[in-house]
Amino acid sequence: MAAFDAGSVVEPLTWNFASLKDPAGKPYVDKSGVVREPTDRQLADYLAGIKKLIKEFRGKLPDDLMTGTATPAELTSAVDDLDPETVTQFHAGLAAVVADLCSGTPSKDDLLGLPIRIRSVFYTWLQQEVMAPEAAPGGGNAQVRNLRSAAAG
């Protein structure tokens, strides 16, 4: 009989920041872990948090990002030309929204300890995994039966 095994459908959201080291060989953030699968509420809060950030920075970000559909990576690159205080505030807000989605693992401080390029890639990876996961094809051991073609008569 076919069985469903949730653990075989998607892989854990495992992250490792300790493997990235600065030129002196010290990790920027010496942590690793697994993001707990977000709840429906966390996903809704994440999307609302991104939209709230966009509204807060309206007039400071390029108009094409004001649609509310920008990814964290697009938002991150859009703030490059802003004044330093605005950039700092934006990054802190975005890190808080992402950390909440991750149930605090990684934390806002962990995220802000990463170089911006790595942080941006992590945000993109996380959003792709959480919002559009690619499930494995099946989780059971059932035998696949070929059905006869209707044309075969």
Protein backbone atom coordinates (compact mmCIF):
# COMPACT_ATOMS: atom_id res chain seq x y z
CA MET A 1 0.00 0.00 0.00
CA ALA A 2 1.25 3.48 -0.85
CA ALA A 3 2.26 5.67 2.06
CA PHE A 4 2.87 9.36 2.45
CA ASP A 5 6.06 10.34 4.25
CA ALA A 6 6.23 14.12 4.77
CA GLY A 7 9.96 13.92 5.46
CA SER A 8 10.61 12.55 1.99
CA VAL A 9 8.65 15.23 0.15
CA VAL A 10 10.79 18.30 0.86
CA GLU A 11 14.27 18.77 2.24
CA PRO A 12 14.84 20.68 5.49
CA LEU A 13 15.69 24.37 5.15
CA THR A 14 19.27 23.88 6.35
CA TRP A 15 21.60 26.88 6.39
CA ASN A 16 25.28 27.27 7.24
CA PHE A 17 26.83 30.70 7.66
CA ALA A 18 29.95 29.41 9.46
CA SER A 19 31.47 28.16 6.20
CA LEU A 20 31.89 31.74 4.93
CA LYS A 21 35.03 33.30 6.35
CA ASP A 22 36.52 36.79 6.19
CA PRO A 23 40.05 37.31 4.78
CA ALA A 24 41.53 36.53 8.23
CA GLY A 25 39.77 33.13 8.24
CA LYS A 26 37.15 34.03 10.85
CA PRO A 27 33.46 33.33 10.10
CA TYR A 28 31.33 36.44 9.68
CA VAL A 29 28.56 34.59 11.52
CA ASP A 30 29.68 31.38 13.18
CA LYS A 31 26.30 29.65 13.13
CA SER A 32 24.29 27.09 11.22
CA GLY A 33 20.86 25.60 11.65
CA VAL A 34 17.56 24.65 10.13
CA VAL A 35 14.68 27.03 9.48
CA ARG A 36 11.47 25.69 10.99
CA GLU A 37 8.81 25.29 8.29
CA PRO A 38 6.86 28.56 8.38
CA THR A 39 3.21 28.57 9.35
CA ASP A 40 0.49 30.14 7.24
CA ARG A 41 0.49 33.07 9.68
CA GLN A 42 4.25 33.56 9.30
CA LEU A 43 3.94 33.53 5.51
CA ALA A 44 1.14 36.11 5.65
CA ASP A 45 3.15 38.26 8.08
CA TYR A 46 6.22 37.97 5.84
CA LEU A 47 4.31 39.18 2.77
CA ALA A 48 2.70 41.98 4.80
CA GLY A 49 6.12 42.93 6.20
CA ILE A 50 7.63 43.24 2.73
CA LYS A 51 4.71 45.42 1.60
CA LYS A 52 5.03 47.56 4.75
CA LEU A 53 8.74 48.09 4.08
CA ILE A 54 7.97 49.17 0.54
CA LYS A 55 5.41 51.69 1.82
CA GLU A 56 7.82 53.02 4.46
CA PHE A 57 10.48 53.62 1.83
CA ARG A 58 8.10 54.98 -0.82
CA GLY A 59 9.78 57.88 -2.55
CA LYS A 60 13.19 56.59 -1.52
CA LEU A 61 13.09 53.44 -3.64
CA PRO A 62 12.73 53.23 -7.44
CA ASP A 63 9.10 53.38 -8.65
CA ASP A 64 9.22 49.94 -10.28
CA LEU A 65 9.61 48.38 -6.82
CA MET A 66 6.47 50.04 -5.50
CA THR A 67 4.20 47.33 -6.91
CA GLY A 68 4.68 45.21 -3.79
CA THR A 69 5.93 42.21 -5.74
CA ALA A 70 9.67 42.82 -5.40
CA THR A 71 11.84 40.08 -3.98
CA PRO A 72 14.13 40.79 -1.02
CA ALA A 73 17.11 40.63 -3.39
CA GLU A 74 15.56 43.27 -5.67
CA LEU A 75 14.80 45.46 -2.67
CA THR A 76 18.34 45.05 -1.41
CA SER A 77 19.91 46.13 -4.69
CA ALA A 78 17.50 49.07 -4.98
CA VAL A 79 18.81 50.73 -1.83
CA ASP A 80 22.39 50.98 -3.10
CA ASP A 81 22.03 54.64 -4.10
CA LEU A 82 20.29 55.81 -0.91
CA ASP A 83 21.88 57.71 1.96
CA PRO A 84 23.67 55.47 4.49
CA GLU A 85 21.16 55.93 7.32
CA THR A 86 18.25 54.98 5.06
CA VAL A 87 20.17 51.92 3.86
CA THR A 88 20.88 50.85 7.45
CA GLN A 89 17.24 51.26 8.45
CA PHE A 90 16.04 49.37 5.41
CA HIS A 91 18.40 46.44 5.93
CA ALA A 92 17.45 46.20 9.60
CA GLY A 93 13.76 46.15 8.69
CA LEU A 94 14.22 43.52 5.99
CA ALA A 95 16.36 41.33 8.27
CA ALA A 96 13.65 41.51 10.94
CA VAL A 97 10.94 40.42 8.48
CA VAL A 98 13.06 37.49 7.25
CA ALA A 99 14.09 36.46 10.79
CA ASP A 100 10.42 36.37 11.79
CA LEU A 101 9.69 34.08 8.83
CA CYS A 102 12.53 31.85 10.10
CA SER A 103 11.16 31.73 13.68
CA GLY A 104 14.34 33.52 14.76
CA THR A 105 16.75 30.91 13.38
CA PRO A 106 18.70 32.65 11.91
CA SER A 107 18.11 35.78 13.94
CA LYS A 108 17.98 39.37 12.72
CA ASP A 109 21.48 39.92 14.15
CA ASP A 110 22.78 36.78 12.41
CA LEU A 111 21.45 38.07 9.09
CA LEU A 112 22.87 41.55 9.60
CA GLY A 113 26.27 40.00 10.41
CA LEU A 114 26.51 38.57 6.92
CA PRO A 115 28.03 40.47 4.01
CA ILE A 116 25.27 41.99 1.88
CA ARG A 117 25.91 39.74 -1.12
CA ILE A 118 25.52 36.60 0.97
CA ARG A 119 22.50 37.99 2.81
CA SER A 120 20.80 38.83 -0.48
CA VAL A 121 21.41 35.33 -1.86
CA PHE A 122 20.10 33.78 1.39
CA TYR A 123 16.92 35.88 1.16
CA THR A 124 16.36 34.78 -2.43
CA TRP A 125 17.02 31.12 -1.62
CA LEU A 126 14.69 31.19 1.36
CA GLN A 127 11.87 32.87 -0.54
CA GLN A 128 12.15 30.38 -3.41
CA GLU A 129 12.15 27.42 -1.04
CA VAL A 130 9.26 28.65 1.08
CA MET A 131 7.03 30.29 -1.52
CA ALA A 132 7.56 27.92 -4.45
CA PRO A 133 9.00 24.66 -3.15
CA GLU A 134 9.57 21.84 -5.58
CA ALA A 135 8.25 18.74 -3.92
CA ALA A 136 9.78 15.39 -4.65
CA PRO A 137 7.73 13.18 -6.96
CA GLY A 138 5.91 10.91 -4.53
CA GLY A 139 6.67 9.68 -1.10
CA GLY A 140 5.58 6.07 -1.29
CA ASN A 141 6.63 2.80 -2.81
CA ALA A 142 3.56 2.19 -4.93
CA GLN A 143 4.10 0.58 -8.30
CA VAL A 144 3.20 2.78 -11.25
CA ARG A 145 0.67 1.15 -13.58
CA ASN A 146 0.51 2.10 -17.22
CA LEU A 147 -3.04 2.62 -18.41
CA ARG A 148 -4.18 1.29 -21.74
CA SER A 149 -4.62 3.86 -24.43
CA ALA A 150 -8.21 4.50 -25.50
CA ALA A 151 -7.07 4.13 -29.09
CA ALA A 152 -5.90 0.56 -28.42
CA GLY A 153 -9.51 -0.52 -28.38
